[in-house]
C-alpha cells in the first residue's frame, strides 16, 4: 500500500504546484490590468478637465450665445420627448 500512495502524492504535488503557478499568473495578470485601468482613468480624467476648461472659457467669452444654445437644446429635447 505504501507504493500506491507515492504516485498519488506525486500527482497531488503536481496538482498543487500547477495550482500555485496558475494563481501566481492570475495575480500578475490582475495587477497588470489594474495598472492599465488606472493609467486609462488618469488620461481620461485629464481629457475631461481640459474639455471642461475649454467649455468654461467659451461660456465666459460668449454668455448670451451659451444661454441661447442651452435654451435651444432644452426646446429640442422637449419636442423629442413629446
N, C-alpha and C. Protein backbone atom coordinates (compact mmCIF):
# COMPACT_ATOMS: atom_id res chain seq x y z
N UNK A 1 0.80 -1.18 0.00
CA UNK A 1 0.00 0.00 0.00
C UNK A 1 0.85 1.26 0.00
N UNK A 2 2.00 1.17 0.55
CA UNK A 2 2.86 2.35 0.60
C UNK A 2 3.28 2.78 -0.79
N UNK A 3 3.44 1.84 -1.69
CA UNK A 3 3.82 2.19 -3.06
C UNK A 3 2.65 2.83 -3.81
N UNK A 4 1.43 2.49 -3.43
CA UNK A 4 0.27 3.08 -4.10
C UNK A 4 0.10 4.54 -3.72
N UNK A 5 0.44 4.91 -2.52
CA UNK A 5 0.29 6.29 -2.08
C UNK A 5 1.31 7.21 -2.70
N UNK A 6 2.47 6.69 -3.02
CA UNK A 6 3.53 7.51 -3.59
C UNK A 6 3.11 8.17 -4.91
N UNK A 7 2.58 7.44 -5.89
CA UNK A 7 2.14 8.08 -7.12
C UNK A 7 1.03 9.10 -6.86
N UNK A 8 0.15 8.78 -5.94
CA UNK A 8 -0.93 9.71 -5.64
C UNK A 8 -0.37 10.99 -5.02
N UNK A 9 0.59 10.86 -4.13
CA UNK A 9 1.22 12.03 -3.53
C UNK A 9 1.95 12.85 -4.57
N UNK A 10 2.61 12.19 -5.50
CA UNK A 10 3.31 12.92 -6.55
C UNK A 10 2.30 13.65 -7.42
N UNK A 11 1.19 13.00 -7.71
CA UNK A 11 0.16 13.63 -8.51
C UNK A 11 -0.43 14.82 -7.77
N UNK A 12 -0.67 14.64 -6.49
CA UNK A 12 -1.18 15.76 -5.69
C UNK A 12 -0.19 16.91 -5.63
N UNK A 13 1.08 16.58 -5.55
CA UNK A 13 2.10 17.62 -5.52
C UNK A 13 2.13 18.38 -6.84
N UNK A 14 2.00 17.63 -7.94
CA UNK A 14 1.98 18.28 -9.26
C UNK A 14 0.74 19.17 -9.41
N UNK A 15 -0.38 18.66 -8.92
CA UNK A 15 -1.62 19.45 -8.99
C UNK A 15 -1.46 20.72 -8.16
N UNK A 16 -0.90 20.58 -6.97
CA UNK A 16 -0.70 21.74 -6.10
C UNK A 16 0.27 22.74 -6.73
N UNK A 17 1.32 22.24 -7.34
CA UNK A 17 2.31 23.10 -8.00
C UNK A 17 1.66 23.85 -9.17
N UNK A 18 0.87 23.13 -9.94
CA UNK A 18 0.18 23.75 -11.08
C UNK A 18 -0.81 24.80 -10.60
N UNK A 19 -1.52 24.49 -9.53
CA UNK A 19 -2.47 25.45 -8.97
C UNK A 19 -1.75 26.72 -8.50
N UNK A 20 -0.63 26.54 -7.84
CA UNK A 20 0.15 27.68 -7.35
C UNK A 20 0.66 28.54 -8.51
N UNK A 21 1.12 27.88 -9.57
CA UNK A 21 1.59 28.63 -10.75
C UNK A 21 0.45 29.39 -11.41
N UNK A 22 -0.72 28.74 -11.50
CA UNK A 22 -1.89 29.38 -12.10
C UNK A 22 -2.33 30.58 -11.26
N UNK A 23 -2.28 30.41 -9.95
CA UNK A 23 -2.66 31.51 -9.05
C UNK A 23 -1.70 32.68 -9.21
N UNK A 24 -0.42 32.39 -9.29
CA UNK A 24 0.59 33.44 -9.46
C UNK A 24 0.40 34.17 -10.79
N UNK A 25 0.16 33.41 -11.85
CA UNK A 25 -0.05 34.02 -13.17
C UNK A 25 -1.30 34.88 -13.17
N UNK A 26 -2.34 34.41 -12.50
CA UNK A 26 -3.59 35.18 -12.41
C UNK A 26 -3.37 36.48 -11.65
N UNK A 27 -2.65 36.41 -10.56
CA UNK A 27 -2.38 37.62 -9.77
C UNK A 27 -1.56 38.62 -10.58
N UNK A 28 -0.59 38.15 -11.34
CA UNK A 28 0.21 39.04 -12.18
C UNK A 28 -0.67 39.70 -13.25
N UNK A 29 -1.56 38.92 -13.84
CA UNK A 29 -2.46 39.46 -14.87
C UNK A 29 -3.40 40.50 -14.27
N UNK A 30 -3.90 40.24 -13.08
CA UNK A 30 -4.79 41.19 -12.40
C UNK A 30 -4.05 42.49 -12.11
N UNK A 31 -2.84 42.40 -11.63
CA UNK A 31 -2.06 43.61 -11.34
C UNK A 31 -1.79 44.41 -12.62
N UNK A 32 -1.49 43.71 -13.70
CA UNK A 32 -1.25 44.38 -14.98
C UNK A 32 -2.51 45.11 -15.45
N UNK A 33 -3.65 44.45 -15.33
CA UNK A 33 -4.91 45.07 -15.74
C UNK A 33 -5.23 46.26 -14.85
N UNK A 34 -4.98 46.15 -13.55
CA UNK A 34 -5.20 47.27 -12.63
C UNK A 34 -4.39 48.48 -13.06
N UNK A 35 -3.13 48.25 -13.39
CA UNK A 35 -2.25 49.33 -13.81
C UNK A 35 -2.76 49.98 -15.09
N UNK A 36 -3.18 49.18 -16.04
CA UNK A 36 -3.69 49.71 -17.30
C UNK A 36 -4.96 50.53 -17.07
N UNK A 37 -5.83 50.05 -16.22
CA UNK A 37 -7.07 50.77 -15.94
C UNK A 37 -6.78 52.10 -15.24
N UNK A 38 -5.86 52.07 -14.27
CA UNK A 38 -5.51 53.31 -13.57
C UNK A 38 -4.93 54.33 -14.54
N UNK A 39 -4.06 53.88 -15.45
CA UNK A 39 -3.49 54.78 -16.45
C UNK A 39 -4.58 55.36 -17.35
N UNK A 40 -5.49 54.52 -17.76
CA UNK A 40 -6.60 54.96 -18.61
C UNK A 40 -7.48 55.97 -17.91
N UNK A 41 -7.74 55.75 -16.64
CA UNK A 41 -8.56 56.67 -15.86
C UNK A 41 -7.86 58.02 -15.72
N UNK A 42 -6.56 58.00 -15.48
CA UNK A 42 -5.81 59.25 -15.36
C UNK A 42 -5.86 60.05 -16.66
N UNK A 43 -5.66 59.38 -17.79
CA UNK A 43 -5.70 60.05 -19.08
C UNK A 43 -7.09 60.62 -19.34
N UNK A 44 -8.12 59.82 -19.07
CA UNK A 44 -9.49 60.29 -19.28
C UNK A 44 -9.82 61.46 -18.38
N UNK A 45 -9.35 61.41 -17.16
CA UNK A 45 -9.58 62.50 -16.22
C UNK A 45 -8.96 63.80 -16.72
N UNK A 46 -7.75 63.71 -17.23
CA UNK A 46 -7.09 64.90 -17.78
C UNK A 46 -7.85 65.43 -18.99
N UNK A 47 -8.33 64.55 -19.85
CA UNK A 47 -9.10 64.97 -21.03
C UNK A 47 -10.39 65.66 -20.61
N UNK A 48 -11.05 65.15 -19.60
CA UNK A 48 -12.29 65.76 -19.12
C UNK A 48 -12.01 67.13 -18.52
N UNK A 49 -10.94 67.25 -17.76
CA UNK A 49 -10.59 68.55 -17.18
C UNK A 49 -10.29 69.57 -18.26
N UNK A 50 -9.59 69.15 -19.31
CA UNK A 50 -9.27 70.05 -20.42
C UNK A 50 -10.54 70.48 -21.14
N UNK A 51 -11.43 69.56 -21.42
CA UNK A 51 -12.68 69.88 -22.11
C UNK A 51 -13.54 70.79 -21.26
N UNK A 52 -13.57 70.56 -19.96
CA UNK A 52 -14.35 71.40 -19.06
C UNK A 52 -13.80 72.83 -19.05
N UNK A 53 -12.49 72.96 -19.01
CA UNK A 53 -11.88 74.28 -19.01
C UNK A 53 -12.18 75.02 -20.31
N UNK A 54 -12.12 74.30 -21.44
CA UNK A 54 -12.44 74.92 -22.73
C UNK A 54 -13.89 75.39 -22.76
N UNK A 55 -14.80 74.55 -22.31
CA UNK A 55 -16.22 74.91 -22.29
C UNK A 55 -16.45 76.11 -21.38
N UNK A 56 -15.78 76.13 -20.26
CA UNK A 56 -15.92 77.24 -19.32
C UNK A 56 -15.44 78.54 -19.96
N UNK A 57 -14.35 78.48 -20.70
CA UNK A 57 -13.84 79.68 -21.37
C UNK A 57 -14.81 80.18 -22.43
N UNK A 58 -15.40 79.27 -23.19
CA UNK A 58 -16.38 79.68 -24.22
C UNK A 58 -17.58 80.34 -23.56
N UNK A 59 -18.05 79.77 -22.45
CA UNK A 59 -19.20 80.34 -21.75
C UNK A 59 -18.87 81.74 -21.22
N UNK A 60 -17.66 81.91 -20.69
CA UNK A 60 -17.26 83.22 -20.18
C UNK A 60 -17.11 84.25 -21.31
N UNK A 61 -16.62 83.80 -22.45
CA UNK A 61 -16.41 84.72 -23.57
C UNK A 61 -17.73 85.11 -24.24
N UNK A 62 -18.68 84.19 -24.33
CA UNK A 62 -19.94 84.43 -25.04
C UNK A 62 -21.12 83.95 -24.19
N UNK A 63 -21.47 84.70 -23.14
CA UNK A 63 -22.54 84.23 -22.25
C UNK A 63 -23.91 84.18 -22.92
N UNK A 64 -24.23 85.17 -23.75
CA UNK A 64 -25.55 85.17 -24.39
C UNK A 64 -25.69 84.02 -25.38
N UNK A 65 -24.67 83.75 -26.12
CA UNK A 65 -24.69 82.62 -27.04
C UNK A 65 -24.86 81.31 -26.28
N UNK A 66 -24.21 81.21 -25.15
CA UNK A 66 -24.32 79.99 -24.32
C UNK A 66 -25.74 79.82 -23.81
N UNK A 67 -26.35 80.90 -23.36
CA UNK A 67 -27.73 80.82 -22.87
C UNK A 67 -28.66 80.44 -24.02
N UNK A 68 -28.44 81.03 -25.18
CA UNK A 68 -29.26 80.70 -26.35
C UNK A 68 -29.12 79.23 -26.74
N UNK A 69 -27.92 78.73 -26.74
CA UNK A 69 -27.69 77.31 -27.07
C UNK A 69 -28.36 76.40 -26.06
N UNK A 70 -28.27 76.75 -24.79
CA UNK A 70 -28.89 75.93 -23.74
C UNK A 70 -30.41 75.93 -23.91
N UNK A 71 -30.97 77.10 -24.21
CA UNK A 71 -32.42 77.19 -24.42
C UNK A 71 -32.84 76.35 -25.62
N UNK A 72 -32.10 76.47 -26.70
CA UNK A 72 -32.41 75.72 -27.91
C UNK A 72 -32.30 74.21 -27.67
N UNK A 73 -31.29 73.79 -26.96
CA UNK A 73 -31.13 72.38 -26.67
C UNK A 73 -32.29 71.87 -25.81
N UNK A 74 -32.69 72.65 -24.82
CA UNK A 74 -33.82 72.27 -23.97
C UNK A 74 -35.11 72.18 -24.77
N UNK A 75 -35.32 73.14 -25.66
CA UNK A 75 -36.52 73.15 -26.50
C UNK A 75 -36.53 71.91 -27.40
N UNK A 76 -35.39 71.59 -28.02
CA UNK A 76 -35.29 70.45 -28.92
C UNK A 76 -35.56 69.14 -28.17
N UNK A 77 -35.02 69.02 -26.99
CA UNK A 77 -35.22 67.81 -26.20
C UNK A 77 -36.70 67.68 -25.80
N UNK A 78 -37.32 68.80 -25.42
CA UNK A 78 -38.74 68.73 -25.05
C UNK A 78 -39.60 68.33 -26.24
N UNK A 79 -39.26 68.78 -27.45
CA UNK A 79 -40.01 68.39 -28.64
C UNK A 79 -39.80 66.90 -28.96
N UNK A 80 -38.61 66.40 -28.72
CA UNK A 80 -38.33 64.98 -28.97
C UNK A 80 -39.08 64.09 -27.96
N UNK A 81 -39.20 64.55 -26.75
CA UNK A 81 -39.86 63.75 -25.70
C UNK A 81 -41.35 63.65 -25.96
N UNK A 82 -41.96 64.72 -26.46
CA UNK A 82 -43.41 64.72 -26.70
C UNK A 82 -43.79 63.77 -27.74
